Amino acid sequence: GLQARLGAGVQVEWAMRYGQPAMGAKLAEMKAAGCDRILVAPLYPQYSGATTATVVDAMGDALKALRWQPAIRTLPPYYEDAAHIEALRADTARQLAALPFVPEVLLLSFHGMPERTLTLGDPYHCQCRKTARLLTEALAPQFPDLRIEVAFQSRFGRAKWLEPSTEATLAAEAAKGTKRLAIAAPGFSADCLETREELAIRGREVFTGAGGAEFAALDCLNDGAAGMAMLEALVRRELAGWI
């Protein structure tokens, strides 16, 4: 998708932060292929020391092994970028309009983080809230009666995490009479177990078990037209002067 949009003048590769192909191996492979200017694009819209920063750390570790290092740029967080908000608006609106019911509530669920990260200065919580506010404003003209709420999923361990939690919010909405709800994960660039199992399956169980009736988990941007157009715009901007 992105390779086709950028053309033969740009080599597009991908790597996993926690998986294969590993970032270090892929950087070395690209360098061996003659790439002397590389844009590393962490696909986390919101910055966190636990996500975006670890990509930069891994990149630094990989570069240490190269005697002749390429020039490196990194894609900044794009949580409030107009291209990102428009992609979210367009794709969310498309999916909402296709539902067999009209939701009363759209719950925007972001990955949780220990609350301690916020007090230490991590901007993640604020950036999630900013994304949610901008998306709410963008959807309002087409869905004026839709109430949009924010929650945080995937809590682990005994420490206090960012609140409100997604499961608690789903149960509370159903308990107070909300019958039709849709849930989306605008902090994820693509669907994974957390969106497919935790939101789509477990989320439905919690909501309907507490008295809700209609439930839908919306897909992430993935490789759809809106998401690809956004990535192309962001990448072209960061590659300015190189292509």
C-alpha atoms as a PDB file:
ATOM      1  CA  GLY A   1       0.000   0.000   0.000  1.00  0.00           C
ATOM      2  CA  LEU A   2       2.505   2.665   1.090  1.00  0.00           C
ATOM      3  CA  GLN A   3       5.166   1.407  -1.311  1.00  0.00           C
ATOM      4  CA  ALA A   4       2.753   1.791  -4.220  1.00  0.00           C
ATOM      5  CA  ARG A   5       1.844   5.315  -3.138  1.00  0.00           C
ATOM      6  CA  LEU A   6       5.452   6.474  -2.740  1.00  0.00           C
ATOM      7  CA  GLY A   7       6.773   4.863  -5.909  1.00  0.00           C
ATOM      8  CA  ALA A   8      10.057   3.216  -6.850  1.00  0.00           C
ATOM      9  CA  GLY A   9      12.119   6.164  -5.638  1.00  0.00           C
ATOM     10  CA  VAL A  10      11.488   5.208  -2.013  1.00  0.00           C
ATOM     11  CA  GLN A  11      12.168   1.766  -0.535  1.00  0.00           C
ATOM     12  CA  VAL A  12       9.554   0.869   2.084  1.00  0.00           C
ATOM     13  CA  GLU A  13      10.325  -1.820   4.659  1.00  0.00           C
ATOM     14  CA  TRP A  14       8.750  -2.768   7.969  1.00  0.00           C
ATOM     15  CA  ALA A  15       9.934  -4.160  11.273  1.00  0.00           C
ATOM     16  CA  MET A  16       8.520  -5.162  14.640  1.00  0.00           C
ATOM     17  CA  ARG A  17       9.524  -3.627  17.946  1.00  0.00           C
ATOM     18  CA  TYR A  18       8.800  -6.904  19.763  1.00  0.00           C
ATOM     19  CA  GLY A  19       8.899  -9.551  17.054  1.00  0.00           C
ATOM     20  CA  GLN A  20      10.272 -10.450  13.642  1.00  0.00           C
ATOM     21  CA  PRO A  21      11.597  -8.968  11.439  1.00  0.00           C
ATOM     22  CA  ALA A  22      13.550  -7.144  14.120  1.00  0.00           C
ATOM     23  CA  MET A  23      14.396  -3.497  13.708  1.00  0.00           C
ATOM     24  CA  GLY A  24      18.172  -3.941  13.911  1.00  0.00           C
ATOM     25  CA  ALA A  25      18.271  -6.599  11.225  1.00  0.00           C
ATOM     26  CA  LYS A  26      16.057  -4.555   8.943  1.00  0.00           C
ATOM     27  CA  LEU A  27      18.181  -1.402   9.325  1.00  0.00           C
ATOM     28  CA  ALA A  28      21.332  -3.385   8.520  1.00  0.00           C
ATOM     29  CA  GLU A  29      19.608  -4.935   5.503  1.00  0.00           C
ATOM     30  CA  MET A  30      18.551  -1.533   4.179  1.00  0.00           C
ATOM     31  CA  LYS A  31      22.034  -0.116   4.687  1.00  0.00           C
ATOM     32  CA  ALA A  32      23.529  -3.066   2.799  1.00  0.00           C
ATOM     33  CA  ALA A  33      21.057  -2.397  -0.022  1.00  0.00           C
ATOM     34  CA  GLY A  34      22.430   1.119  -0.400  1.00  0.00           C
ATOM     35  CA  CYS A  35      19.948   3.123   1.654  1.00  0.00           C
ATOM     36  CA  ASP A  36      21.982   5.958   3.154  1.00  0.00           C
ATOM     37  CA  ARG A  37      18.977   8.073   4.256  1.00  0.00           C
ATOM     38  CA  ILE A  38      16.368   6.271   6.334  1.00  0.00           C
ATOM     39  CA  LEU A  39      13.161   7.585   7.897  1.00  0.00           C
ATOM     40  CA  VAL A  40      12.127   5.523  10.920  1.00  0.00           C
ATOM     41  CA  ALA A  41       8.374   5.897  11.456  1.00  0.00           C
ATOM     42  CA  PRO A  42       7.060   4.640  14.822  1.00  0.00           C
ATOM     43  CA  LEU A  43       3.378   3.975  14.168  1.00  0.00           C
ATOM     44  CA  TYR A  44       2.243   5.131  17.595  1.00  0.00           C
ATOM     45  CA  PRO A  45       0.103   8.267  17.129  1.00  0.00           C
ATOM     46  CA  GLN A  46       0.622   9.299  20.764  1.00  0.00           C
ATOM     47  CA  TYR A  47       4.120   9.454  22.260  1.00  0.00           C
ATOM     48  CA  SER A  48       5.006   7.336  25.273  1.00  0.00           C
ATOM     49  CA  GLY A  49       8.276   6.396  26.878  1.00  0.00           C
ATOM     50  CA  ALA A  50       7.044   2.799  26.767  1.00  0.00           C
ATOM     51  CA  THR A  51       6.383   2.780  23.022  1.00  0.00           C
ATOM     52  CA  THR A  52       7.782   5.519  20.777  1.00  0.00           C
ATOM     53  CA  ALA A  53      10.875   6.022  22.912  1.00  0.00           C
ATOM     54  CA  THR A  54      11.739   2.322  22.853  1.00  0.00           C
ATOM     55  CA  VAL A  55      11.758   2.425  19.036  1.00  0.00           C
ATOM     56  CA  VAL A  56      14.341   5.203  19.163  1.00  0.00           C
ATOM     57  CA  ASP A  57      16.331   3.238  21.752  1.00  0.00           C
ATOM     58  CA  ALA A  58      16.287   0.118  19.572  1.00  0.00           C
ATOM     59  CA  MET A  59      17.334   2.176  16.567  1.00  0.00           C
ATOM     60  CA  GLY A  60      20.292   3.567  18.509  1.00  0.00           C
ATOM     61  CA  ASP A  61      21.355   0.087  19.605  1.00  0.00           C
ATOM     62  CA  ALA A  62      21.216  -1.126  16.010  1.00  0.00           C
ATOM     63  CA  LEU A  63      23.224   1.812  14.692  1.00  0.00           C
ATOM     64  CA  LYS A  64      26.008   1.075  17.185  1.00  0.00           C
ATOM     65  CA  ALA A  65      26.737  -2.115  15.248  1.00  0.00           C
ATOM     66  CA  LEU A  66      27.270  -0.268  11.953  1.00  0.00           C
ATOM     67  CA  ARG A  67      30.697   1.147  11.124  1.00  0.00           C
ATOM     68  CA  TRP A  68      29.153   3.334   8.404  1.00  0.00           C
ATOM     69  CA  GLN A  69      25.829   4.663   9.642  1.00  0.00           C
ATOM     70  CA  PRO A  70      23.051   6.019   7.403  1.00  0.00           C
ATOM     71  CA  ALA A  71      21.455   9.409   8.010  1.00  0.00           C
ATOM     72  CA  ILE A  72      18.367   8.925  10.181  1.00  0.00           C
ATOM     73  CA  ARG A  73      15.120  10.847  10.629  1.00  0.00           C
ATOM     74  CA  THR A  74      12.247   9.843  12.906  1.00  0.00           C
ATOM     75  CA  LEU A  75       8.542  10.499  12.417  1.00  0.00           C
ATOM     76  CA  PRO A  76       7.192  12.649  15.281  1.00  0.00           C
ATOM     77  CA  PRO A  77       4.021  11.662  17.157  1.00  0.00           C
ATOM     78  CA  TYR A  78       1.021  12.553  15.002  1.00  0.00           C
ATOM     79  CA  TYR A  79      -1.767  12.510  17.611  1.00  0.00           C
ATOM     80  CA  GLU A  80      -3.048  15.976  16.638  1.00  0.00           C
ATOM     81  CA  ASP A  81      -1.924  16.107  13.020  1.00  0.00           C
ATOM     82  CA  ALA A  82      -4.699  17.263  10.715  1.00  0.00           C
ATOM     83  CA  ALA A  83      -4.073  14.317   8.372  1.00  0.00           C
ATOM     84  CA  HIS A  84      -4.463  11.858  11.240  1.00  0.00           C
ATOM     85  CA  ILE A  85      -7.623  13.450  12.611  1.00  0.00           C
ATOM     86  CA  GLU A  86      -9.166  13.540   9.140  1.00  0.00           C
ATOM     87  CA  ALA A  87      -8.308   9.879   8.558  1.00  0.00           C
ATOM     88  CA  LEU A  88      -9.898   8.947  11.889  1.00  0.00           C
ATOM     89  CA  ARG A  89     -12.956  11.080  11.141  1.00  0.00           C
ATOM     90  CA  ALA A  90     -13.487   9.636   7.668  1.00  0.00           C
ATOM     91  CA  ASP A  91     -12.964   6.010   8.661  1.00  0.00           C
ATOM     92  CA  THR A  92     -14.951   6.255  11.890  1.00  0.00           C
ATOM     93  CA  ALA A  93     -17.834   8.009  10.129  1.00  0.00           C
ATOM     94  CA  ARG A  94     -17.848   5.350   7.399  1.00  0.00           C
ATOM     95  CA  GLN A  95     -18.054   2.538   9.929  1.00  0.00           C
ATOM     96  CA  LEU A  96     -20.659   4.239  12.116  1.00  0.00           C
ATOM     97  CA  ALA A  97     -22.885   4.874   9.113  1.00  0.00           C
ATOM     98  CA  ALA A  98     -22.671   1.200   8.126  1.00  0.00           C
ATOM     99  CA  LEU A  99     -23.792  -0.163  11.507  1.00  0.00           C
ATOM    100  CA  PRO A 100     -27.201  -1.870  11.707  1.00  0.00           C
ATOM    101  CA  PHE A 101     -28.038   0.355  14.695  1.00  0.00           C
ATOM    102  CA  VAL A 102     -27.505   3.980  15.731  1.00  0.00           C
ATOM    103  CA  PRO A 103     -25.108   4.177  18.699  1.00  0.00           C
ATOM    104  CA  GLU A 104     -25.919   6.452  21.596  1.00  0.00           C
ATOM    105  CA  VAL A 105     -22.282   6.428  22.726  1.00  0.00           C
ATOM    106  CA  LEU A 106     -18.939   6.091  20.967  1.00  0.00           C
ATOM    107  CA  LEU A 107     -16.262   4.993  23.441  1.00  0.00           C
ATOM    108  CA  LEU A 108     -12.709   5.882  22.421  1.00  0.00           C
ATOM    109  CA  SER A 109     -10.465   3.343  24.116  1.00  0.00           C
ATOM    110  CA  PHE A 110      -6.729   3.981  24.361  1.00  0.00           C
ATOM    111  CA  HIS A 111      -4.068   1.635  25.680  1.00  0.00           C
ATOM    112  CA  GLY A 112      -3.574   2.225  29.388  1.00  0.00           C
ATOM    113  CA  MET A 113      -0.371   3.222  31.165  1.00  0.00           C
ATOM    114  CA  PRO A 114       0.535   3.276  34.863  1.00  0.00           C
ATOM    115  CA  GLU A 115      -0.598   6.586  36.352  1.00  0.00           C
ATOM    116  CA  ARG A 116       2.972   7.086  37.578  1.00  0.00           C
ATOM    117  CA  THR A 117       4.074   7.730  33.974  1.00  0.00           C
ATOM    118  CA  LEU A 118       1.833  10.814  33.901  1.00  0.00           C
ATOM    119  CA  THR A 119       3.198  12.239  37.134  1.00  0.00           C
ATOM    120  CA  LEU A 120       6.751  11.670  35.866  1.00  0.00           C
ATOM    121  CA  GLY A 121       6.027  13.837  32.827  1.00  0.00           C
ATOM    122  CA  ASP A 122       5.109  11.352  30.082  1.00  0.00           C
ATOM    123  CA  PRO A 123       2.819  13.237  27.623  1.00  0.00           C
ATOM    124  CA  TYR A 124       0.847  10.132  26.605  1.00  0.00           C
ATOM    125  CA  HIS A 125      -2.312  10.821  28.629  1.00  0.00           C
ATOM    126  CA  CYS A 126      -2.547  14.420  27.429  1.00  0.00           C
ATOM    127  CA  GLN A 127      -1.973  13.402  23.818  1.00  0.00           C
ATOM    128  CA  CYS A 128      -4.698  10.746  24.001  1.00  0.00           C
ATOM    129  CA  ARG A 129      -7.092  13.345  25.370  1.00  0.00           C
ATOM    130  CA  LYS A 130      -6.119  15.762  22.598  1.00  0.00           C
ATOM    131  CA  THR A 131      -6.761  13.143  19.902  1.00  0.00           C
ATOM    132  CA  ALA A 132     -10.142  12.369  21.461  1.00  0.00           C
ATOM    133  CA  ARG A 133     -11.140  16.034  21.664  1.00  0.00           C
ATOM    134  CA  LEU A 134     -10.174  16.753  18.063  1.00  0.00           C
ATOM    135  CA  LEU A 135     -11.942  13.626  16.782  1.00  0.00           C
ATOM    136  CA  THR A 136     -15.049  14.505  18.795  1.00  0.00           C
ATOM    137  CA  GLU A 137     -15.116  17.953  17.229  1.00  0.00           C
ATOM    138  CA  ALA A 138     -14.571  16.501  13.750  1.00  0.00           C
ATOM    139  CA  LEU A 139     -17.433  13.998  14.080  1.00  0.00           C
ATOM    140  CA  ALA A 140     -19.922  16.431  15.631  1.00  0.00           C
ATOM    141  CA  PRO A 141     -21.327  17.907  12.382  1.00  0.00           C
ATOM    142  CA  GLN A 142     -22.296  14.474  11.011  1.00  0.00           C
ATOM    143  CA  PHE A 143     -23.256  12.895  14.360  1.00  0.00           C
ATOM    144  CA  PRO A 144     -24.633  15.698  16.554  1.00  0.00           C
ATOM    145  CA  ASP A 145     -26.490  13.319  18.892  1.00  0.00           C
ATOM    146  CA  LEU A 146     -23.571  10.961  19.463  1.00  0.00           C
ATOM    147  CA  ARG A 147     -21.979  11.195  22.917  1.00  0.00           C
ATOM    148  CA  ILE A 148     -18.254  10.415  22.856  1.00  0.00           C
ATOM    149  CA  GLU A 149     -16.379   9.199  25.931  1.00  0.00           C
ATOM    150  CA  VAL A 150     -12.735   8.235  26.619  1.00  0.00           C
ATOM    151  CA  ALA A 151     -11.314   5.264  28.530  1.00  0.00           C
ATOM    152  CA  PHE A 152      -8.093   3.273  28.894  1.00  0.00           C
ATOM    153  CA  GLN A 153      -7.742  -0.477  28.395  1.00  0.00           C
ATOM    154  CA  SER A 154      -5.306  -3.272  29.270  1.00  0.00           C
ATOM    155  CA  ARG A 155      -4.421  -2.766  32.907  1.00  0.00           C
ATOM    156  CA  PHE A 156      -1.700  -5.020  34.359  1.00  0.00           C
ATOM    157  CA  GLY A 157      -0.311  -5.504  37.847  1.00  0.00           C
ATOM    158  CA  ARG A 158      -1.340  -3.881  41.103  1.00  0.00           C
ATOM    159  CA  ALA A 159      -0.234  -0.289  40.510  1.00  0.00           C
ATOM    160  CA  LYS A 160      -2.820   2.376  39.727  1.00  0.00           C
ATOM    161  CA  TRP A 161      -3.332   2.929  36.005  1.00  0.00           C
ATOM    162  CA  LEU A 162      -4.843   5.751  33.981  1.00  0.00           C
ATOM    163  CA  GLU A 163      -8.589   6.005  34.468  1.00  0.00           C
ATOM    164  CA  PRO A 164     -11.365   5.479  33.695  1.00  0.00           C
ATOM    165  CA  SER A 165     -10.820   1.892  32.630  1.00  0.00           C
ATOM    166  CA  THR A 166     -12.540   0.626  29.505  1.00  0.00           C
ATOM    167  CA  GLU A 167     -14.283  -2.323  31.173  1.00  0.00           C
ATOM    168  CA  ALA A 168     -15.531  -0.197  34.076  1.00  0.00           C
ATOM    169  CA  THR A 169     -16.826   2.415  31.633  1.00  0.00           C
ATOM    170  CA  LEU A 170     -18.660  -0.187  29.535  1.00  0.00           C
ATOM    171  CA  ALA A 171     -20.329  -1.606  32.629  1.00  0.00           C
ATOM    172  CA  ALA A 172     -21.213   1.847  33.955  1.00  0.00           C
ATOM    173  CA  GLU A 173     -22.730   2.944  30.634  1.00  0.00           C
ATOM    174  CA  ALA A 174     -24.939  -0.129  30.486  1.00  0.00           C
ATOM    175  CA  ALA A 175     -25.919   0.227  34.141  1.00  0.00           C
ATOM    176  CA  LYS A 176     -27.121   3.787  33.621  1.00  0.00           C
ATOM    177  CA  GLY A 177     -29.273   2.830  30.641  1.00  0.00           C
ATOM    178  CA  THR A 178     -27.134   3.080  27.520  1.00  0.00           C
ATOM    179  CA  LYS A 179     -28.389   0.373  25.160  1.00  0.00           C
ATOM    180  CA  ARG A 180     -26.440   1.008  21.947  1.00  0.00           C
ATOM    181  CA  LEU A 181     -22.682   1.552  22.009  1.00  0.00           C
ATOM    182  CA  ALA A 182     -19.750   1.477  19.595  1.00  0.00           C
ATOM    183  CA  ILE A 183     -16.115   1.304  20.646  1.00  0.00           C
ATOM    184  CA  ALA A 184     -13.017   2.407  18.728  1.00  0.00           C
ATOM    185  CA  ALA A 185      -9.260   2.418  19.422  1.00  0.00           C
ATOM    186  CA  PRO A 186      -7.735   5.573  17.882  1.00  0.00           C
ATOM    187  CA  GLY A 187      -4.375   4.958  19.544  1.00  0.00           C
ATOM    188  CA  PHE A 188      -3.756   1.841  17.428  1.00  0.00           C
ATOM    189  CA  SER A 189      -2.576   2.047  13.818  1.00  0.00           C
ATOM    190  CA  ALA A 190      -3.775  -1.518  13.172  1.00  0.00           C
ATOM    191  CA  ASP A 191      -5.936  -4.126  14.863  1.00  0.00           C
ATOM    192  CA  CYS A 192      -4.320  -6.677  17.173  1.00  0.00           C
ATOM    193  CA  LEU A 193      -5.327  -8.982  20.029  1.00  0.00           C
ATOM    194  CA  GLU A 194      -6.153  -5.990  22.199  1.00  0.00           C
ATOM    195  CA  THR A 195      -8.707  -4.664  19.730  1.00  0.00           C
ATOM    196  CA  ARG A 196     -10.031  -7.994  18.482  1.00  0.00           C
ATOM    197  CA  GLU A 197     -10.212  -9.941  21.740  1.00  0.00           C
ATOM    198  CA  GLU A 198     -10.186  -7.363  24.513  1.00  0.00           C
ATOM    199  CA  LEU A 199     -12.519  -4.856  22.862  1.00  0.00           C
ATOM    200  CA  ALA A 200     -14.580  -6.787  20.331  1.00  0.00           C
ATOM    201  CA  ILE A 201     -15.120  -9.950  22.407  1.00  0.00           C
ATOM    202  CA  ARG A 202     -14.556  -9.109  26.057  1.00  0.00           C
ATOM    203  CA  GLY A 203     -15.999  -5.620  25.598  1.00  0.00           C
ATOM    204  CA  ARG A 204     -19.238  -7.017  24.214  1.00  0.00           C
ATOM    205  CA  GLU A 205     -19.496  -9.483  27.106  1.00  0.00           C
ATOM    206  CA  VAL A 206     -19.073  -6.731  29.688  1.00  0.00           C
ATOM    207  CA  PHE A 207     -21.515  -4.319  28.036  1.00  0.00           C
ATOM    208  CA  THR A 208     -24.299  -6.800  27.328  1.00  0.00           C
ATOM    209  CA  GLY A 209     -23.763  -8.544  30.664  1.00  0.00           C
ATOM    210  CA  ALA A 210     -24.428  -5.246  32.444  1.00  0.00           C
ATOM    211  CA  GLY A 211     -27.638  -4.603  30.508  1.00  0.00           C
ATOM    212  CA  GLY A 212     -26.520  -3.198  27.146  1.00  0.00           C
ATOM    213  CA  ALA A 213     -28.166  -4.399  23.950  1.00  0.00           C
ATOM    214  CA  GLU A 214     -26.350  -3.350  20.748  1.00  0.00           C
ATOM    215  CA  PHE A 215     -22.533  -3.320  20.622  1.00  0.00           C
ATOM    216  CA  ALA A 216     -19.974  -2.856  17.850  1.00  0.00           C
ATOM    217  CA  ALA A 217     -16.171  -2.690  17.870  1.00  0.00           C
ATOM    218  CA  LEU A 218     -14.917  -0.540  15.002  1.00  0.00           C
ATOM    219  CA  ASP A 219     -11.817  -1.508  13.026  1.00  0.00           C
ATOM    220  CA  CYS A 220      -8.611   0.505  13.304  1.00  0.00           C
ATOM    221  CA  LEU A 221      -7.266   2.387  10.286  1.00  0.00           C
ATOM    222  CA  ASN A 222      -5.219  -0.665   9.217  1.00  0.00           C
ATOM    223  CA  ASP A 223      -4.408  -0.621   5.490  1.00  0.00           C
ATOM    224  CA  GLY A 224      -7.600   1.124   4.366  1.00  0.00           C
ATOM    225  CA  ALA A 225      -7.687   4.096   2.023  1.00  0.00           C
ATOM    226  CA  ALA A 226      -7.951   6.710   4.777  1.00  0.00           C
ATOM    227  CA  GLY A 227      -5.071   5.256   6.784  1.00  0.00           C
ATOM    228  CA  MET A 228      -2.803   4.874   3.766  1.00  0.00           C
ATOM    229  CA  ALA A 229      -3.493   8.418   2.573  1.00  0.00           C
ATOM    230  CA  MET A 230      -2.583   9.696   6.040  1.00  0.00           C
ATOM    231  CA  LEU A 231       0.685   7.738   6.183  1.00  0.00           C
ATOM    232  CA  GLU A 232       1.653   8.907   2.715  1.00  0.00           C
ATOM    233  CA  ALA A 233       1.088  12.547   3.712  1.00  0.00           C
ATOM    234  CA  LEU A 234       3.101  12.185   6.922  1.00  0.00           C
ATOM    235  CA  VAL A 235       5.964  10.297   5.274  1.00  0.00           C
ATOM    236  CA  ARG A 236       6.213  12.661   2.317  1.00  0.00           C
ATOM    237  CA  ARG A 237       6.405  15.595   4.715  1.00  0.00           C
ATOM    238  CA  GLU A 238       9.228  13.972   6.716  1.00  0.00           C
ATOM    239  CA  LEU A 239      11.095  12.964   3.547  1.00  0.00           C
ATOM    240  CA  ALA A 240      11.087  16.553   2.224  1.00  0.00           C
ATOM    241  CA  GLY A 241      14.501  17.367   0.820  1.00  0.00           C
ATOM    242  CA  TRP A 242      15.360  13.698   0.427  1.00  0.00           C
ATOM    243  CA  ILE A 243      12.960  12.926  -2.423  1.00  0.00           C
END
